[in-house]
């Protein structure tokens, strides 16, 4: 007997994209995620285009991926899509050492984070 297929965690009108290794701290990435939460996708793309943050380009790629997933995998209309969720999580931390005075060293931590973007199609009434 084969294993049962796992149920889809998202609703039928939602699509998701996740980027797992972004070389930025979650605290900084969350500022960019907050700026696009709840916006229509075209407005969110414009927001990311003109953002001064370095990581905005990578978040833009993730948003494009979510839009493409919605269109190709779930047959959603891209004109009615809204960024329903954009949340950030921690990932691995690279640890490096820097030489200091008197033969000591100090630790430098280079954090990675991950972002998950969920887009939802609004109904015609909305």
PDB file of N, CA and C in Angstrom:
ATOM      1  N   UNK A   1       0.838  -1.183   0.000  1.00  0.00           N
ATOM      2  CA  UNK A   1       0.000   0.000   0.000  1.00  0.00           C
ATOM      3  C   UNK A   1       0.881   1.244   0.000  1.00  0.00           C
ATOM      4  N   UNK A   2       0.436   2.234  -0.690  1.00  0.00           N
ATOM      5  CA  UNK A   2       1.219   3.463  -0.756  1.00  0.00           C
ATOM      6  C   UNK A   2       0.827   4.400   0.378  1.00  0.00           C
ATOM      7  N   UNK A   3       1.708   5.325   0.608  1.00  0.00           N
ATOM      8  CA  UNK A   3       1.485   6.308   1.658  1.00  0.00           C
ATOM      9  C   UNK A   3       0.431   7.314   1.195  1.00  0.00           C
ATOM     10  N   UNK A   4      -0.431   7.744   2.109  1.00  0.00           N
ATOM     11  CA  UNK A   4      -1.448   8.726   1.758  1.00  0.00           C
ATOM     12  C   UNK A   4      -0.792  10.074   1.496  1.00  0.00           C
ATOM     13  N   UNK A   5      -1.332  10.778   0.520  1.00  0.00           N
ATOM     14  CA  UNK A   5      -0.806  12.100   0.198  1.00  0.00           C
ATOM     15  C   UNK A   5      -1.150  13.063   1.332  1.00  0.00           C
ATOM     16  N   UNK A   6      -0.192  13.907   1.691  1.00  0.00           N
ATOM     17  CA  UNK A   6      -0.461  14.875   2.740  1.00  0.00           C
ATOM     18  C   UNK A   6      -1.384  15.963   2.201  1.00  0.00           C
ATOM     19  N   UNK A   7      -2.246  16.426   3.065  1.00  0.00           N
ATOM     20  CA  UNK A   7      -3.183  17.463   2.647  1.00  0.00           C
ATOM     21  C   UNK A   7      -2.463  18.788   2.489  1.00  0.00           C
ATOM     22  N   UNK A   8      -3.001  19.600   1.624  1.00  0.00           N
ATOM     23  CA  UNK A   8      -2.425  20.909   1.361  1.00  0.00           C
ATOM     24  C   UNK A   8      -2.677  21.809   2.563  1.00  0.00           C
ATOM     25  N   UNK A   9      -1.613  22.486   3.034  1.00  0.00           N
ATOM     26  CA  UNK A   9      -1.756  23.334   4.216  1.00  0.00           C
ATOM     27  C   UNK A   9      -2.421  24.661   3.903  1.00  0.00           C
ATOM     28  N   UNK A  10      -2.363  25.070   2.650  1.00  0.00           N
ATOM     29  CA  UNK A  10      -2.940  26.352   2.259  1.00  0.00           C
ATOM     30  C   UNK A  10      -4.343  26.159   1.708  1.00  0.00           C
ATOM     31  N   UNK A  11      -5.094  27.243   1.693  1.00  0.00           N
ATOM     32  CA  UNK A  11      -6.434  27.210   1.119  1.00  0.00           C
ATOM     33  C   UNK A  11      -6.327  27.120  -0.409  1.00  0.00           C
ATOM     34  N   UNK A  12      -7.407  26.761  -1.080  1.00  0.00           N
ATOM     35  CA  UNK A  12      -7.347  26.645  -2.553  1.00  0.00           C
ATOM     36  C   UNK A  12      -7.042  27.959  -3.268  1.00  0.00           C
ATOM     37  N   UNK A  13      -7.263  29.096  -2.620  1.00  0.00           N
ATOM     38  CA  UNK A  13      -7.019  30.390  -3.269  1.00  0.00           C
ATOM     39  C   UNK A  13      -5.682  30.990  -2.841  1.00  0.00           C
ATOM     40  N   UNK A  14      -4.781  30.164  -2.298  1.00  0.00           N
ATOM     41  CA  UNK A  14      -3.490  30.667  -1.829  1.00  0.00           C
ATOM     42  C   UNK A  14      -2.343  29.933  -2.500  1.00  0.00           C
ATOM     43  N   UNK A  15      -1.216  30.618  -2.600  1.00  0.00           N
ATOM     44  CA  UNK A  15       0.024  30.027  -3.108  1.00  0.00           C
ATOM     45  C   UNK A  15       1.171  30.561  -2.261  1.00  0.00           C
ATOM     46  N   UNK A  16       2.253  29.792  -2.206  1.00  0.00           N
ATOM     47  CA  UNK A  16       3.351  30.122  -1.300  1.00  0.00           C
ATOM     48  C   UNK A  16       4.695  30.003  -2.003  1.00  0.00           C
ATOM     49  N   UNK A  17       5.651  30.791  -1.528  1.00  0.00           N
ATOM     50  CA  UNK A  17       7.043  30.650  -1.940  1.00  0.00           C
ATOM     51  C   UNK A  17       7.907  30.865  -0.707  1.00  0.00           C
ATOM     52  N   UNK A  18       8.993  30.099  -0.622  1.00  0.00           N
ATOM     53  CA  UNK A  18       9.861  30.179   0.547  1.00  0.00           C
ATOM     54  C   UNK A  18      11.312  30.216   0.083  1.00  0.00           C
ATOM     55  N   UNK A  19      12.077  31.151   0.646  1.00  0.00           N
ATOM     56  CA  UNK A  19      13.510  31.222   0.400  1.00  0.00           C
ATOM     57  C   UNK A  19      14.194  30.906   1.712  1.00  0.00           C
ATOM     58  N   UNK A  20      15.073  29.913   1.704  1.00  0.00           N
ATOM     59  CA  UNK A  20      15.583  29.382   2.960  1.00  0.00           C
ATOM     60  C   UNK A  20      16.903  29.982   3.434  1.00  0.00           C
ATOM     61  N   UNK A  21      17.754  30.412   2.547  1.00  0.00           N
ATOM     62  CA  UNK A  21      19.055  30.918   3.011  1.00  0.00           C
ATOM     63  C   UNK A  21      19.313  32.305   2.445  1.00  0.00           C
ATOM     64  N   UNK A  22      18.924  33.294   3.196  1.00  0.00           N
ATOM     65  CA  UNK A  22      19.212  34.682   2.857  1.00  0.00           C
ATOM     66  C   UNK A  22      20.252  35.198   3.840  1.00  0.00           C
ATOM     67  N   UNK A  23      21.319  35.754   3.349  1.00  0.00           N
ATOM     68  CA  UNK A  23      22.433  36.165   4.197  1.00  0.00           C
ATOM     69  C   UNK A  23      22.179  37.551   4.787  1.00  0.00           C
ATOM     70  N   UNK A  24      21.246  37.592   5.721  1.00  0.00           N
ATOM     71  CA  UNK A  24      20.906  38.813   6.433  1.00  0.00           C
ATOM     72  C   UNK A  24      20.253  38.397   7.747  1.00  0.00           C
ATOM     73  N   UNK A  25      20.313  39.258   8.736  1.00  0.00           N
ATOM     74  CA  UNK A  25      19.702  38.906  10.014  1.00  0.00           C
ATOM     75  C   UNK A  25      18.177  38.982   9.889  1.00  0.00           C
ATOM     76  N   UNK A  26      17.474  38.145  10.644  1.00  0.00           N
ATOM     77  CA  UNK A  26      16.008  38.154  10.564  1.00  0.00           C
ATOM     78  C   UNK A  26      15.397  39.498  10.954  1.00  0.00           C
ATOM     79  N   UNK A  27      16.049  40.196  11.853  1.00  0.00           N
ATOM     80  CA  UNK A  27      15.533  41.485  12.299  1.00  0.00           C
ATOM     81  C   UNK A  27      15.505  42.502  11.156  1.00  0.00           C
ATOM     82  N   UNK A  28      16.563  42.502  10.325  1.00  0.00           N
ATOM     83  CA  UNK A  28      16.612  43.422   9.186  1.00  0.00           C
ATOM     84  C   UNK A  28      15.656  42.979   8.077  1.00  0.00           C
ATOM     85  N   UNK A  29      15.561  41.670   7.867  1.00  0.00           N
ATOM     86  CA  UNK A  29      14.680  41.151   6.822  1.00  0.00           C
ATOM     87  C   UNK A  29      13.214  41.416   7.169  1.00  0.00           C
ATOM     88  N   UNK A  30      12.894  41.401   8.443  1.00  0.00           N
ATOM     89  CA  UNK A  30      11.512  41.617   8.863  1.00  0.00           C
ATOM     90  C   UNK A  30      11.037  43.029   8.526  1.00  0.00           C
ATOM     91  N   UNK A  31      11.940  43.995   8.492  1.00  0.00           N
ATOM     92  CA  UNK A  31      11.556  45.358   8.107  1.00  0.00           C
ATOM     93  C   UNK A  31      11.040  45.387   6.669  1.00  0.00           C
ATOM     94  N   UNK A  32      11.688  44.621   5.787  1.00  0.00           N
ATOM     95  CA  UNK A  32      11.256  44.571   4.389  1.00  0.00           C
ATOM     96  C   UNK A  32       9.950  43.787   4.273  1.00  0.00           C
ATOM     97  N   UNK A  33       9.834  42.699   5.051  1.00  0.00           N
ATOM     98  CA  UNK A  33       8.610  41.892   5.005  1.00  0.00           C
ATOM     99  C   UNK A  33       7.410  42.702   5.488  1.00  0.00           C
ATOM    100  N   UNK A  34       7.609  43.530   6.504  1.00  0.00           N
ATOM    101  CA  UNK A  34       6.512  44.362   7.010  1.00  0.00           C
ATOM    102  C   UNK A  34       6.024  45.351   5.963  1.00  0.00           C
ATOM    103  N   UNK A  35       6.934  45.816   5.121  1.00  0.00           N
ATOM    104  CA  UNK A  35       6.559  46.839   4.146  1.00  0.00           C
ATOM    105  C   UNK A  35       5.662  46.299   3.038  1.00  0.00           C
ATOM    106  N   UNK A  36       5.608  44.961   2.836  1.00  0.00           N
ATOM    107  CA  UNK A  36       4.782  44.421   1.752  1.00  0.00           C
ATOM    108  C   UNK A  36       3.560  43.662   2.254  1.00  0.00           C
ATOM    109  N   UNK A  37       3.460  43.422   3.546  1.00  0.00           N
ATOM    110  CA  UNK A  37       2.324  42.662   4.082  1.00  0.00           C
ATOM    111  C   UNK A  37       1.005  43.372   3.801  1.00  0.00           C
ATOM    112  N   UNK A  38       0.035  42.630   3.261  1.00  0.00           N
ATOM    113  CA  UNK A  38      -1.298  43.168   3.047  1.00  0.00           C
ATOM    114  C   UNK A  38      -1.467  43.992   1.784  1.00  0.00           C
ATOM    115  N   UNK A  39      -0.414  44.194   1.011  1.00  0.00           N
ATOM    116  CA  UNK A  39      -0.515  44.994  -0.208  1.00  0.00           C
ATOM    117  C   UNK A  39      -0.898  44.122  -1.397  1.00  0.00           C
ATOM    118  N   UNK A  40      -1.482  44.748  -2.409  1.00  0.00           N
ATOM    119  CA  UNK A  40      -1.685  44.043  -3.676  1.00  0.00           C
ATOM    120  C   UNK A  40      -0.300  43.767  -4.273  1.00  0.00           C
ATOM    121  N   UNK A  41      -0.184  42.702  -5.057  1.00  0.00           N
ATOM    122  CA  UNK A  41       1.149  42.269  -5.485  1.00  0.00           C
ATOM    123  C   UNK A  41       1.847  43.319  -6.351  1.00  0.00           C
ATOM    124  N   UNK A  42       1.105  44.024  -7.189  1.00  0.00           N
ATOM    125  CA  UNK A  42       1.757  45.038  -8.032  1.00  0.00           C
ATOM    126  C   UNK A  42       2.309  46.173  -7.174  1.00  0.00           C
ATOM    127  N   UNK A  43       1.563  46.568  -6.171  1.00  0.00           N
ATOM    128  CA  UNK A  43       2.024  47.615  -5.255  1.00  0.00           C
ATOM    129  C   UNK A  43       3.229  47.130  -4.445  1.00  0.00           C
ATOM    130  N   UNK A  44       3.203  45.862  -4.034  1.00  0.00           N
ATOM    131  CA  UNK A  44       4.313  45.294  -3.272  1.00  0.00           C
ATOM    132  C   UNK A  44       5.582  45.224  -4.126  1.00  0.00           C
ATOM    133  N   UNK A  45       5.446  44.868  -5.404  1.00  0.00           N
ATOM    134  CA  UNK A  45       6.609  44.836  -6.303  1.00  0.00           C
ATOM    135  C   UNK A  45       7.194  46.231  -6.482  1.00  0.00           C
ATOM    136  N   UNK A  46       6.332  47.233  -6.607  1.00  0.00           N
ATOM    137  CA  UNK A  46       6.813  48.614  -6.720  1.00  0.00           C
ATOM    138  C   UNK A  46       7.528  49.052  -5.446  1.00  0.00           C
ATOM    139  N   UNK A  47       6.970  48.660  -4.316  1.00  0.00           N
ATOM    140  CA  UNK A  47       7.574  48.994  -3.019  1.00  0.00           C
ATOM    141  C   UNK A  47       8.984  48.414  -2.916  1.00  0.00           C
ATOM    142  N   UNK A  48       9.142  47.175  -3.374  1.00  0.00           N
ATOM    143  CA  UNK A  48      10.449  46.519  -3.310  1.00  0.00           C
ATOM    144  C   UNK A  48      11.415  47.089  -4.346  1.00  0.00           C
ATOM    145  N   UNK A  49      10.880  47.511  -5.501  1.00  0.00           N
ATOM    146  CA  UNK A  49      11.737  48.114  -6.536  1.00  0.00           C
ATOM    147  C   UNK A  49      12.436  49.364  -6.021  1.00  0.00           C
ATOM    148  N   UNK A  50      11.697  50.182  -5.289  1.00  0.00           N
ATOM    149  CA  UNK A  50      12.228  51.472  -4.873  1.00  0.00           C
ATOM    150  C   UNK A  50      12.719  51.480  -3.435  1.00  0.00           C
ATOM    151  N   UNK A  51      12.827  50.313  -2.843  1.00  0.00           N
ATOM    152  CA  UNK A  51      13.337  50.225  -1.472  1.00  0.00           C
ATOM    153  C   UNK A  51      14.851  50.407  -1.469  1.00  0.00           C
ATOM    154  N   UNK A  52      15.356  51.065  -0.445  1.00  0.00           N
ATOM    155  CA  UNK A  52      16.801  51.299  -0.339  1.00  0.00           C
ATOM    156  C   UNK A  52      17.515  50.129   0.331  1.00  0.00           C
ATOM    157  N   UNK A  53      16.776  49.145   0.824  1.00  0.00           N
ATOM    158  CA  UNK A  53      17.370  48.012   1.522  1.00  0.00           C
ATOM    159  C   UNK A  53      18.045  47.072   0.523  1.00  0.00           C
ATOM    160  N   UNK A  54      19.184  46.530   0.916  1.00  0.00           N
ATOM    161  CA  UNK A  54      19.947  45.632   0.039  1.00  0.00           C
ATOM    162  C   UNK A  54      19.184  44.347  -0.263  1.00  0.00           C
ATOM    163  N   UNK A  55      18.471  43.839   0.700  1.00  0.00           N
ATOM    164  CA  UNK A  55      17.833  42.535   0.580  1.00  0.00           C
ATOM    165  C   UNK A  55      16.521  42.598  -0.200  1.00  0.00           C
ATOM    166  N   UNK A  56      16.054  43.794  -0.545  1.00  0.00           N
ATOM    167  CA  UNK A  56      14.769  43.949  -1.221  1.00  0.00           C
ATOM    168  C   UNK A  56      14.738  43.221  -2.562  1.00  0.00           C
ATOM    169  N   UNK A  57      15.866  43.122  -3.235  1.00  0.00           N
ATOM    170  CA  UNK A  57      15.917  42.400  -4.514  1.00  0.00           C
ATOM    171  C   UNK A  57      15.630  40.921  -4.349  1.00  0.00           C
ATOM    172  N   UNK A  58      16.173  40.324  -3.299  1.00  0.00           N
ATOM    173  CA  UNK A  58      15.925  38.908  -3.056  1.00  0.00           C
ATOM    174  C   UNK A  58      14.482  38.652  -2.620  1.00  0.00           C
ATOM    175  N   UNK A  59      13.917  39.565  -1.854  1.00  0.00           N
ATOM    176  CA  UNK A  59      12.516  39.434  -1.449  1.00  0.00           C
ATOM    177  C   UNK A  59      11.619  39.584  -2.673  1.00  0.00           C
ATOM    178  N   UNK A  60      12.025  40.442  -3.599  1.00  0.00           N
ATOM    179  CA  UNK A  60      11.280  40.629  -4.845  1.00  0.00           C
ATOM    180  C   UNK A  60      11.254  39.337  -5.663  1.00  0.00           C
ATOM    181  N   UNK A  61      12.399  38.639  -5.717  1.00  0.00           N
ATOM    182  CA  UNK A  61      12.452  37.354  -6.416  1.00  0.00           C
ATOM    183  C   UNK A  61      11.513  36.339  -5.773  1.00  0.00           C
ATOM    184  N   UNK A  62      11.473  36.334  -4.439  1.00  0.00           N
ATOM    185  CA  UNK A  62      10.587  35.409  -3.731  1.00  0.00           C
ATOM    186  C   UNK A  62       9.127  35.733  -4.026  1.00  0.00           C
ATOM    187  N   UNK A  63       8.794  37.014  -4.089  1.00  0.00           N
ATOM    188  CA  UNK A  63       7.419  37.420  -4.393  1.00  0.00           C
ATOM    189  C   UNK A  63       7.053  37.017  -5.823  1.00  0.00           C
ATOM    190  N   UNK A  64       7.978  37.204  -6.767  1.00  0.00           N
ATOM    191  CA  UNK A  64       7.743  36.755  -8.141  1.00  0.00           C
ATOM    192  C   UNK A  64       7.500  35.253  -8.184  1.00  0.00           C
ATOM    193  N   UNK A  65       8.250  34.512  -7.394  1.00  0.00           N
ATOM    194  CA  UNK A  65       8.081  33.064  -7.349  1.00  0.00           C
ATOM    195  C   UNK A  65       6.698  32.689  -6.826  1.00  0.00           C
ATOM    196  N   UNK A  66       6.238  33.386  -5.785  1.00  0.00           N
ATOM    197  CA  UNK A  66       4.904  33.121  -5.245  1.00  0.00           C
ATOM    198  C   UNK A  66       3.824  33.446  -6.275  1.00  0.00           C
ATOM    199  N   UNK A  67       4.013  34.529  -7.018  1.00  0.00           N
ATOM    200  CA  UNK A  67       3.050  34.904  -8.053  1.00  0.00           C
ATOM    201  C   UNK A  67       3.024  33.845  -9.155  1.00  0.00           C
ATOM    202  N   UNK A  68       4.206  33.379  -9.557  1.00  0.00           N
ATOM    203  CA  UNK A  68       4.285  32.344 -10.593  1.00  0.00           C
ATOM    204  C   UNK A  68       3.660  31.038 -10.131  1.00  0.00           C
ATOM    205  N   UNK A  69       3.893  30.679  -8.862  1.00  0.00           N
ATOM    206  CA  UNK A  69       3.270  29.473  -8.321  1.00  0.00           C
ATOM    207  C   UNK A  69       1.749  29.596  -8.348  1.00  0.00           C
ATOM    208  N   UNK A  70       1.243  30.766  -8.015  1.00  0.00           N
ATOM    209  CA  UNK A  70      -0.202  30.984  -8.023  1.00  0.00           C
ATOM    210  C   UNK A  70      -0.778  30.840  -9.428  1.00  0.00           C
ATOM    211  N   UNK A  71      -0.061  31.382 -10.387  1.00  0.00           N
ATOM    212  CA  UNK A  71      -0.561  31.373 -11.759  1.00  0.00           C
ATOM    213  C   UNK A  71      -0.448  29.985 -12.389  1.00  0.00           C
ATOM    214  N   UNK A  72       0.725  29.361 -12.272  1.00  0.00           N
ATOM    215  CA  UNK A  72       0.973  28.114 -12.992  1.00  0.00           C
ATOM    216  C   UNK A  72       0.463  26.876 -12.261  1.00  0.00           C
ATOM    217  N   UNK A  73       0.621  26.832 -10.950  1.00  0.00           N
ATOM    218  CA  UNK A  73       0.265  25.616 -10.218  1.00  0.00           C
ATOM    219  C   UNK A  73      -1.175  25.611  -9.735  1.00  0.00           C
ATOM    220  N   UNK A  74      -1.749  26.794  -9.476  1.00  0.00           N
ATOM    221  CA  UNK A  74      -3.075  26.836  -8.867  1.00  0.00           C
ATOM    222  C   UNK A  74      -4.102  27.602  -9.690  1.00  0.00           C
ATOM    223  N   UNK A  75      -3.711  28.056 -10.884  1.00  0.00           N
ATOM    224  CA  UNK A  75      -4.622  28.745 -11.818  1.00  0.00           C
ATOM    225  C   UNK A  75      -5.347  29.927 -11.186  1.00  0.00           C
ATOM    226  N   UNK A  76      -4.611  30.733 -10.426  1.00  0.00           N
ATOM    227  CA  UNK A  76      -5.203  31.926  -9.820  1.00  0.00           C
ATOM    228  C   UNK A  76      -4.969  33.122 -10.733  1.00  0.00           C
ATOM    229  N   UNK A  77      -5.851  34.113 -10.622  1.00  0.00           N
ATOM    230  CA  UNK A  77      -5.743  35.327 -11.422  1.00  0.00           C
ATOM    231  C   UNK A  77      -4.743  36.269 -10.752  1.00  0.00           C
ATOM    232  N   UNK A  78      -3.674  36.627 -11.458  1.00  0.00           N
ATOM    233  CA  UNK A  78      -2.616  37.407 -10.817  1.00  0.00           C
ATOM    234  C   UNK A  78      -3.011  38.862 -10.587  1.00  0.00           C
ATOM    235  N   UNK A  79      -4.074  39.327 -11.247  1.00  0.00           N
ATOM    236  CA  UNK A  79      -4.506  40.710 -11.036  1.00  0.00           C
ATOM    237  C   UNK A  79      -5.218  40.889  -9.695  1.00  0.00           C
ATOM    238  N   UNK A  80      -5.725  39.798  -9.128  1.00  0.00           N
ATOM    239  CA  UNK A  80      -6.468  39.878  -7.864  1.00  0.00           C
ATOM    240  C   UNK A  80      -5.665  39.370  -6.677  1.00  0.00           C
ATOM    241  N   UNK A  81      -4.356  39.208  -6.835  1.00  0.00           N
ATOM    242  CA  UNK A  81      -3.548  38.650  -5.752  1.00  0.00           C
ATOM    243  C   UNK A  81      -3.142  39.716  -4.743  1.00  0.00           C
ATOM    244  N   UNK A  82      -3.101  39.295  -3.479  1.00  0.00           N
ATOM    245  CA  UNK A  82      -2.682  40.147  -2.368  1.00  0.00           C
ATOM    246  C   UNK A  82      -1.648  39.378  -1.562  1.00  0.00           C
ATOM    247  N   UNK A  83      -0.648  40.077  -1.026  1.00  0.00           N
ATOM    248  CA  UNK A  83       0.325  39.435  -0.146  1.00  0.00           C
ATOM    249  C   UNK A  83      -0.375  39.220   1.191  1.00  0.00           C
ATOM    250  N   UNK A  84      -0.834  37.993   1.424  1.00  0.00           N
ATOM    251  CA  UNK A  84      -1.589  37.685   2.638  1.00  0.00           C
ATOM    252  C   UNK A  84      -0.657  37.586   3.836  1.00  0.00           C
ATOM    253  N   UNK A  85       0.469  36.906   3.662  1.00  0.00           N
ATOM    254  CA  UNK A  85       1.418  36.717   4.753  1.00  0.00           C
ATOM    255  C   UNK A  85       2.829  36.883   4.208  1.00  0.00           C
ATOM    256  N   UNK A  86       3.677  37.458   5.019  1.00  0.00           N
ATOM    257  CA  UNK A  86       5.112  37.517   4.725  1.00  0.00           C
ATOM    258  C   UNK A  86       5.800  37.441   6.074  1.00  0.00           C
ATOM    259  N   UNK A  87       6.341  36.275   6.383  1.00  0.00           N
ATOM    260  CA  UNK A  87       6.969  36.131   7.692  1.00  0.00           C
ATOM    261  C   UNK A  87       8.379  35.598   7.567  1.00  0.00           C
ATOM    262  N   UNK A  88       9.165  35.881   8.598  1.00  0.00           N
ATOM    263  CA  UNK A  88      10.605  35.664   8.587  1.00  0.00           C
ATOM    264  C   UNK A  88      10.961  34.699   9.700  1.00  0.00           C
ATOM    265  N   UNK A  89      11.968  33.871   9.446  1.00  0.00           N
ATOM    266  CA  UNK A  89      12.445  32.952  10.467  1.00  0.00           C
ATOM    267  C   UNK A  89      13.961  32.909  10.489  1.00  0.00           C
ATOM    268  N   UNK A  90      14.498  32.400  11.577  1.00  0.00           N
ATOM    269  CA  UNK A  90      15.944  32.254  11.702  1.00  0.00           C
ATOM    270  C   UNK A  90      16.404  31.042  10.917  1.00  0.00           C
ATOM    271  N   UNK A  91      17.670  31.065  10.532  1.00  0.00           N
ATOM    272  CA  UNK A  91      18.295  29.925   9.895  1.00  0.00           C
ATOM    273  C   UNK A  91      19.665  29.753  10.534  1.00  0.00           C
ATOM    274  N   UNK A  92      20.585  29.152   9.839  1.00  0.00           N
ATOM    275  CA  UNK A  92      21.892  28.898  10.447  1.00  0.00           C
ATOM    276  C   UNK A  92      22.671  30.181  10.710  1.00  0.00           C
ATOM    277  N   UNK A  93      23.685  30.085  11.555  1.00  0.00           N
ATOM    278  CA  UNK A  93      24.554  31.216  11.864  1.00  0.00           C
ATOM    279  C   UNK A  93      25.993  30.771  11.634  1.00  0.00           C
ATOM    280  N   UNK A  94      26.670  31.446  10.703  1.00  0.00           N
ATOM    281  CA  UNK A  94      28.101  31.166  10.496  1.00  0.00           C
ATOM    282  C   UNK A  94      28.877  31.865  11.593  1.00  0.00           C
ATOM    283  N   UNK A  95      29.816  31.161  12.179  1.00  0.00           N
ATOM    284  CA  UNK A  95      30.622  31.750  13.247  1.00  0.00           C
ATOM    285  C   UNK A  95      32.044  31.914  12.757  1.00  0.00           C
ATOM    286  N   UNK A  96      32.556  33.123  12.881  1.00  0.00           N
ATOM    287  CA  UNK A  96      33.916  33.440  12.462  1.00  0.00           C
ATOM    288  C   UNK A  96      34.627  34.098  13.636  1.00  0.00           C
ATOM    289  N   UNK A  97      35.955  34.104  13.591  1.00  0.00           N
ATOM    290  CA  UNK A  97      36.728  34.728  14.655  1.00  0.00           C
ATOM    291  C   UNK A  97      37.588  35.830  14.092  1.00  0.00           C
ATOM    292  N   UNK A  98      37.733  36.875  14.860  1.00  0.00           N
ATOM    293  CA  UNK A  98      38.545  38.018  14.472  1.00  0.00           C
ATOM    294  C   UNK A  98      39.647  38.197  15.511  1.00  0.00           C
ATOM    295  N   UNK A  99      40.860  38.421  15.033  1.00  0.00           N
ATOM    296  CA  UNK A  99      41.987  38.609  15.949  1.00  0.00           C
ATOM    297  C   UNK A  99      41.856  39.951  16.654  1.00  0.00           C
ATOM    298  N   UNK A 100      42.147  39.952  17.962  1.00  0.00           N
ATOM    299  CA  UNK A 100      42.080  41.160  18.765  1.00  0.00           C
ATOM    300  C   UNK A 100      43.430  41.386  19.435  1.00  0.00           C
ATOM    301  N   UNK A 101      43.505  42.410  20.206  1.00  0.00           N
ATOM    302  CA  UNK A 101      44.763  42.762  20.862  1.00  0.00           C
ATOM    303  C   UNK A 101      45.151  41.732  21.924  1.00  0.00           C
ATOM    304  N   UNK A 102      46.434  41.648  22.218  1.00  0.00           N
ATOM    305  CA  UNK A 102      46.998  40.785  23.266  1.00  0.00           C
ATOM    306  C   UNK A 102      46.690  39.308  23.060  1.00  0.00           C
ATOM    307  N   UNK A 103      46.617  38.882  21.807  1.00  0.00           N
ATOM    308  CA  UNK A 103      46.441  37.465  21.525  1.00  0.00           C
ATOM    309  C   UNK A 103      45.051  36.928  21.742  1.00  0.00           C
ATOM    310  N   UNK A 104      44.105  37.797  21.943  1.00  0.00           N
ATOM    311  CA  UNK A 104      42.728  37.333  22.145  1.00  0.00           C
ATOM    312  C   UNK A 104      41.987  37.303  20.813  1.00  0.00           C
ATOM    313  N   UNK A 105      40.788  36.794  20.868  1.00  0.00           N
ATOM    314  CA  UNK A 105      39.950  36.802  19.663  1.00  0.00           C
ATOM    315  C   UNK A 105      38.514  37.106  20.074  1.00  0.00           C
ATOM    316  N   UNK A 106      37.749  37.542  19.108  1.00  0.00           N
ATOM    317  CA  UNK A 106      36.330  37.783  19.365  1.00  0.00           C
ATOM    318  C   UNK A 106      35.530  37.101  18.269  1.00  0.00           C
ATOM    319  N   UNK A 107      34.315  36.745  18.610  1.00  0.00           N
ATOM    320  CA  UNK A 107      33.483  36.005  17.681  1.00  0.00           C
ATOM    321  C   UNK A 107      32.666  36.953  16.818  1.00  0.00           C
ATOM    322  N   UNK A 108      32.601  36.644  15.529  1.00  0.00           N
ATOM    323  CA  UNK A 108      31.745  37.372  14.598  1.00  0.00           C
ATOM    324  C   UNK A 108      30.679  36.396  14.128  1.00  0.00           C
ATOM    325  N   UNK A 109      29.425  36.755  14.282  1.00  0.00           N
ATOM    326  CA  UNK A 109      28.339  35.894  13.855  1.00  0.00           C
ATOM    327  C   UNK A 109      27.714  36.455  12.581  1.00  0.00           C
ATOM    328  N   UNK A 110      27.559  35.590  11.590  1.00  0.00           N
ATOM    329  CA  UNK A 110      26.974  35.982  10.317  1.00  0.00           C
ATOM    330  C   UNK A 110      25.669  35.204  10.143  1.00  0.00           C
ATOM    331  N   UNK A 111      24.547  35.816  10.519  1.00  0.00           N
ATOM    332  CA  UNK A 111      23.279  35.084  10.519  1.00  0.00           C
ATOM    333  C   UNK A 111      22.663  34.949   9.127  1.00  0.00           C
ATOM    334  N   UNK A 112      21.930  33.869   8.960  1.00  0.00           N
ATOM    335  CA  UNK A 112      21.109  33.641   7.783  1.00  0.00           C
ATOM    336  C   UNK A 112      19.660  33.624   8.246  1.00  0.00           C
ATOM    337  N   UNK A 113      18.756  33.917   7.333  1.00  0.00           N
ATOM    338  CA  UNK A 113      17.342  33.871   7.679  1.00  0.00           C
ATOM    339  C   UNK A 113      16.553  33.328   6.499  1.00  0.00           C
ATOM    340  N   UNK A 114      15.272  33.101   6.727  1.00  0.00           N
ATOM    341  CA  UNK A 114      14.401  32.594   5.672  1.00  0.00           C
ATOM    342  C   UNK A 114      13.118  33.411   5.656  1.00  0.00           C
ATOM    343  N   UNK A 115      12.541  33.526   4.474  1.00  0.00           N
ATOM    344  CA  UNK A 115      11.287  34.280   4.334  1.00  0.00           C
ATOM    345  C   UNK A 115      10.264  33.415   3.621  1.00  0.00           C
ATOM    346  N   UNK A 116       9.033  33.492   4.093  1.00  0.00           N
ATOM    347  CA  UNK A 116       7.913  32.783   3.474  1.00  0.00           C
ATOM    348  C   UNK A 116       6.879  33.819   3.068  1.00  0.00           C
ATOM    349  N   UNK A 117       6.480  33.753   1.808  1.00  0.00           N
ATOM    350  CA  UNK A 117       5.493  34.694   1.277  1.00  0.00           C
ATOM    351  C   UNK A 117       4.285  33.901   0.792  1.00  0.00           C
ATOM    352  N   UNK A 118       3.107  34.256   1.296  1.00  0.00           N
ATOM    353  CA  UNK A 118       1.855  33.617   0.888  1.00  0.00           C
ATOM    354  C   UNK A 118       1.007  34.673   0.202  1.00  0.00           C
ATOM    355  N   UNK A 119       0.597  34.374  -1.032  1.00  0.00           N
ATOM    356  CA  UNK A 119      -0.303  35.287  -1.762  1.00  0.00           C
ATOM    357  C   UNK A 119      -1.677  34.654  -1.823  1.00  0.00           C
ATOM    358  N   UNK A 120      -2.685  35.500  -1.767  1.00  0.00           N
ATOM    359  CA  UNK A 120      -4.084  35.028  -1.756  1.00  0.00           C
ATOM    360  C   UNK A 120      -4.860  35.772  -2.827  1.00  0.00           C
ATOM    361  N   UNK A 121      -5.743  35.049  -3.505  1.00  0.00           N
ATOM    362  CA  UNK A 121      -6.587  35.683  -4.505  1.00  0.00           C
ATOM    363  C   UNK A 121      -7.846  36.217  -3.847  1.00  0.00           C
ATOM    364  N   UNK A 122      -8.120  37.492  -4.082  1.00  0.00           N
ATOM    365  CA  UNK A 122      -9.343  38.100  -3.550  1.00  0.00           C
ATOM    366  C   UNK A 122     -10.495  37.765  -4.480  1.00  0.00           C
ATOM    367  N   UNK A 123     -11.672  37.608  -3.913  1.00  0.00           N
ATOM    368  CA  UNK A 123     -12.853  37.336  -4.729  1.00  0.00           C
ATOM    369  C   UNK A 123     -13.290  38.580  -5.472  1.00  0.00           C
ATOM    370  N   UNK A 124     -14.257  38.414  -6.363  1.00  0.00           N
ATOM    371  CA  UNK A 124     -14.755  39.555  -7.152  1.00  0.00           C
ATOM    372  C   UNK A 124     -15.454  40.565  -6.270  1.00  0.00           C
ATOM    373  N   UNK A 125     -16.085  40.115  -5.185  1.00  0.00           N
ATOM    374  CA  UNK A 125     -16.793  41.042  -4.312  1.00  0.00           C
ATOM    375  C   UNK A 125     -15.816  41.969  -3.572  1.00  0.00           C
ATOM    376  N   UNK A 126     -14.641  41.448  -3.257  1.00  0.00           N
ATOM    377  CA  UNK A 126     -13.672  42.260  -2.536  1.00  0.00           C
ATOM    378  C   UNK A 126     -13.055  43.266  -3.464  1.00  0.00           C
TER     379      UNK A 126
END
